[in-house]
Amino acid sequence: MDRFESTWMSESPYEVVLLLASWIELVAVSVIVVRLDEKRLDEDALARAWPPSSRDNALIGLPFLGSPILGLFAVWLHFARTRRFSLKGMGYGTAWVIGILISNVLLTTALAWALDLPLD
């Protein structure tokens, strides 16, 4: 058996489960955060928000183009755009992106621990 085969065979098939769970969590939480925020917006701010098809395309489609984390840019942009690119809006967006990333790290770490995957 050559070096490539031994490395490939020692990998756990649960790593794919971990990747999918991470991607699903990032997209789902991003969509939930933006939709809940849209419900709280006033008429002016809601007029600056994306139309539903564009919003869904940004939140769900961007992670397919590059990396799942790319979709978090859409979350930040939603908050910045609906608050007229004020420091308050950019701060909210940054805080939500950090919160979503922390929840993703906690989920993937717990899932990796439950599946007995290495945490390195």
C-alpha atoms as a PDB file:
ATOM      1  CA  MET A   1       0.000   0.000   0.000  1.00  0.00           C
ATOM      2  CA  ASP A   2       1.431   3.373  -0.941  1.00  0.00           C
ATOM      3  CA  ARG A   3       1.442   6.498   1.201  1.00  0.00           C
ATOM      4  CA  PHE A   4      -1.656   8.044  -0.451  1.00  0.00           C
ATOM      5  CA  GLU A   5      -3.816   4.985   0.122  1.00  0.00           C
ATOM      6  CA  SER A   6      -2.856   4.661   3.769  1.00  0.00           C
ATOM      7  CA  THR A   7      -3.644   8.348   4.388  1.00  0.00           C
ATOM      8  CA  TRP A   8      -6.933   8.155   2.535  1.00  0.00           C
ATOM      9  CA  MET A   9      -8.053   5.004   4.295  1.00  0.00           C
ATOM     10  CA  SER A  10      -7.274   6.412   7.740  1.00  0.00           C
ATOM     11  CA  GLU A  11      -9.583   9.434   7.222  1.00  0.00           C
ATOM     12  CA  SER A  12     -12.945   9.253   8.957  1.00  0.00           C
ATOM     13  CA  PRO A  13     -16.073   9.314   6.762  1.00  0.00           C
ATOM     14  CA  TYR A  14     -17.708  11.483   9.421  1.00  0.00           C
ATOM     15  CA  GLU A  15     -15.641  14.467   8.307  1.00  0.00           C
ATOM     16  CA  VAL A  16     -18.130  14.958   5.476  1.00  0.00           C
ATOM     17  CA  VAL A  17     -20.936  15.025   8.032  1.00  0.00           C
ATOM     18  CA  LEU A  18     -19.024  17.661   9.959  1.00  0.00           C
ATOM     19  CA  LEU A  19     -18.538  19.819   6.851  1.00  0.00           C
ATOM     20  CA  LEU A  20     -22.198  19.577   5.867  1.00  0.00           C
ATOM     21  CA  ALA A  21     -23.397  20.366   9.378  1.00  0.00           C
ATOM     22  CA  SER A  22     -21.140  23.415   9.486  1.00  0.00           C
ATOM     23  CA  TRP A  23     -22.388  24.680   6.120  1.00  0.00           C
ATOM     24  CA  ILE A  24     -26.055  24.077   6.983  1.00  0.00           C
ATOM     25  CA  GLU A  25     -25.704  25.847  10.331  1.00  0.00           C
ATOM     26  CA  LEU A  26     -23.998  28.892   8.811  1.00  0.00           C
ATOM     27  CA  VAL A  27     -26.634  29.291   6.099  1.00  0.00           C
ATOM     28  CA  ALA A  28     -29.630  28.572   8.362  1.00  0.00           C
ATOM     29  CA  VAL A  29     -28.578  30.929  11.146  1.00  0.00           C
ATOM     30  CA  SER A  30     -27.726  33.666   8.634  1.00  0.00           C
ATOM     31  CA  VAL A  31     -31.165  33.413   7.049  1.00  0.00           C
ATOM     32  CA  ILE A  32     -32.898  33.401  10.441  1.00  0.00           C
ATOM     33  CA  VAL A  33     -30.960  36.435  11.697  1.00  0.00           C
ATOM     34  CA  VAL A  34     -31.685  38.517   8.589  1.00  0.00           C
ATOM     35  CA  ARG A  35     -35.374  37.571   8.420  1.00  0.00           C
ATOM     36  CA  LEU A  36     -35.931  38.308  12.106  1.00  0.00           C
ATOM     37  CA  ASP A  37     -34.217  41.659  11.684  1.00  0.00           C
ATOM     38  CA  GLU A  38     -36.421  42.488   8.695  1.00  0.00           C
ATOM     39  CA  LYS A  39     -39.510  41.957  10.872  1.00  0.00           C
ATOM     40  CA  ARG A  40     -38.265  44.622  13.308  1.00  0.00           C
ATOM     41  CA  LEU A  41     -37.332  47.238  10.711  1.00  0.00           C
ATOM     42  CA  ASP A  42     -39.376  50.362  10.115  1.00  0.00           C
ATOM     43  CA  GLU A  43     -40.693  51.295   6.651  1.00  0.00           C
ATOM     44  CA  ASP A  44     -37.631  53.369   5.676  1.00  0.00           C
ATOM     45  CA  ALA A  45     -35.095  50.726   6.625  1.00  0.00           C
ATOM     46  CA  LEU A  46     -37.181  47.962   5.067  1.00  0.00           C
ATOM     47  CA  ALA A  47     -37.195  49.892   1.788  1.00  0.00           C
ATOM     48  CA  ARG A  48     -33.373  49.745   1.814  1.00  0.00           C
ATOM     49  CA  ALA A  49     -33.349  45.972   2.429  1.00  0.00           C
ATOM     50  CA  TRP A  50     -32.956  43.470  -0.377  1.00  0.00           C
ATOM     51  CA  PRO A  51     -36.025  42.090  -2.135  1.00  0.00           C
ATOM     52  CA  PRO A  52     -36.720  38.536  -0.890  1.00  0.00           C
ATOM     53  CA  SER A  53     -35.296  36.792  -3.967  1.00  0.00           C
ATOM     54  CA  SER A  54     -32.063  38.804  -3.848  1.00  0.00           C
ATOM     55  CA  ARG A  55     -31.762  38.314  -0.091  1.00  0.00           C
ATOM     56  CA  ASP A  56     -32.149  34.553  -0.392  1.00  0.00           C
ATOM     57  CA  ASN A  57     -29.729  34.448  -3.300  1.00  0.00           C
ATOM     58  CA  ALA A  58     -27.116  36.347  -1.288  1.00  0.00           C
ATOM     59  CA  LEU A  59     -27.558  34.325   1.897  1.00  0.00           C
ATOM     60  CA  ILE A  60     -27.856  30.890   0.282  1.00  0.00           C
ATOM     61  CA  GLY A  61     -26.101  31.359  -3.075  1.00  0.00           C
ATOM     62  CA  LEU A  62     -22.897  33.092  -1.951  1.00  0.00           C
ATOM     63  CA  PRO A  63     -21.774  30.141   0.190  1.00  0.00           C
ATOM     64  CA  PHE A  64     -21.998  27.925  -2.896  1.00  0.00           C
ATOM     65  CA  LEU A  65     -19.734  30.219  -4.919  1.00  0.00           C
ATOM     66  CA  GLY A  66     -16.732  30.226  -2.655  1.00  0.00           C
ATOM     67  CA  SER A  67     -16.786  29.314   0.972  1.00  0.00           C
ATOM     68  CA  PRO A  68     -19.691  29.035   3.404  1.00  0.00           C
ATOM     69  CA  ILE A  69     -18.162  31.943   5.297  1.00  0.00           C
ATOM     70  CA  LEU A  70     -18.653  34.120   2.202  1.00  0.00           C
ATOM     71  CA  GLY A  71     -22.377  34.132   3.017  1.00  0.00           C
ATOM     72  CA  LEU A  72     -21.620  35.965   6.248  1.00  0.00           C
ATOM     73  CA  PHE A  73     -20.657  38.985   4.180  1.00  0.00           C
ATOM     74  CA  ALA A  74     -24.319  39.158   3.122  1.00  0.00           C
ATOM     75  CA  VAL A  75     -25.369  39.288   6.789  1.00  0.00           C
ATOM     76  CA  TRP A  76     -22.975  42.156   7.456  1.00  0.00           C
ATOM     77  CA  LEU A  77     -24.082  43.964   4.302  1.00  0.00           C
ATOM     78  CA  HIS A  78     -27.761  43.619   5.266  1.00  0.00           C
ATOM     79  CA  PHE A  79     -27.205  45.370   8.588  1.00  0.00           C
ATOM     80  CA  ALA A  80     -24.953  48.030   7.089  1.00  0.00           C
ATOM     81  CA  ARG A  81     -27.291  48.705   4.177  1.00  0.00           C
ATOM     82  CA  THR A  82     -30.531  48.896   6.163  1.00  0.00           C
ATOM     83  CA  ARG A  83     -28.915  51.328   8.608  1.00  0.00           C
ATOM     84  CA  ARG A  84     -27.454  53.554   5.839  1.00  0.00           C
ATOM     85  CA  PHE A  85     -23.893  52.347   6.387  1.00  0.00           C
ATOM     86  CA  SER A  86     -23.758  53.990   9.800  1.00  0.00           C
ATOM     87  CA  LEU A  87     -21.344  52.843  12.484  1.00  0.00           C
ATOM     88  CA  LYS A  88     -24.331  51.407  14.331  1.00  0.00           C
ATOM     89  CA  GLY A  89     -25.352  49.261  11.360  1.00  0.00           C
ATOM     90  CA  MET A  90     -21.817  48.103  10.647  1.00  0.00           C
ATOM     91  CA  GLY A  91     -21.389  47.318  14.341  1.00  0.00           C
ATOM     92  CA  TYR A  92     -24.589  45.266  14.424  1.00  0.00           C
ATOM     93  CA  GLY A  93     -23.477  43.416  11.308  1.00  0.00           C
ATOM     94  CA  THR A  94     -20.044  42.704  12.732  1.00  0.00           C
ATOM     95  CA  ALA A  95     -21.517  41.539  16.036  1.00  0.00           C
ATOM     96  CA  TRP A  96     -23.940  39.167  14.305  1.00  0.00           C
ATOM     97  CA  VAL A  97     -21.206  37.760  12.060  1.00  0.00           C
ATOM     98  CA  ILE A  98     -19.006  37.099  15.100  1.00  0.00           C
ATOM     99  CA  GLY A  99     -21.964  35.530  16.931  1.00  0.00           C
ATOM    100  CA  ILE A 100     -22.752  33.252  13.991  1.00  0.00           C
ATOM    101  CA  LEU A 101     -19.094  32.216  13.729  1.00  0.00           C
ATOM    102  CA  ILE A 102     -18.931  31.445  17.458  1.00  0.00           C
ATOM    103  CA  SER A 103     -22.090  29.320  17.244  1.00  0.00           C
ATOM    104  CA  ASN A 104     -20.581  27.501  14.253  1.00  0.00           C
ATOM    105  CA  VAL A 105     -17.352  26.777  16.108  1.00  0.00           C
ATOM    106  CA  LEU A 106     -19.295  25.475  19.113  1.00  0.00           C
ATOM    107  CA  LEU A 107     -21.488  23.256  16.929  1.00  0.00           C
ATOM    108  CA  THR A 108     -18.637  21.793  14.903  1.00  0.00           C
ATOM    109  CA  THR A 109     -16.482  21.233  17.986  1.00  0.00           C
ATOM    110  CA  ALA A 110     -19.328  19.457  19.789  1.00  0.00           C
ATOM    111  CA  LEU A 111     -20.122  17.370  16.720  1.00  0.00           C
ATOM    112  CA  ALA A 112     -16.457  16.464  16.181  1.00  0.00           C
ATOM    113  CA  TRP A 113     -16.192  15.459  19.827  1.00  0.00           C
ATOM    114  CA  ALA A 114     -19.408  13.373  19.592  1.00  0.00           C
ATOM    115  CA  LEU A 115     -18.158  11.623  16.435  1.00  0.00           C
ATOM    116  CA  ASP A 116     -14.733  11.054  18.034  1.00  0.00           C
ATOM    117  CA  LEU A 117     -12.918  13.049  15.366  1.00  0.00           C
ATOM    118  CA  PRO A 118      -9.538  14.637  16.130  1.00  0.00           C
ATOM    119  CA  LEU A 119      -9.857  18.225  17.303  1.00  0.00           C
ATOM    120  CA  ASP A 120      -6.581  19.442  15.834  1.00  0.00           C
END
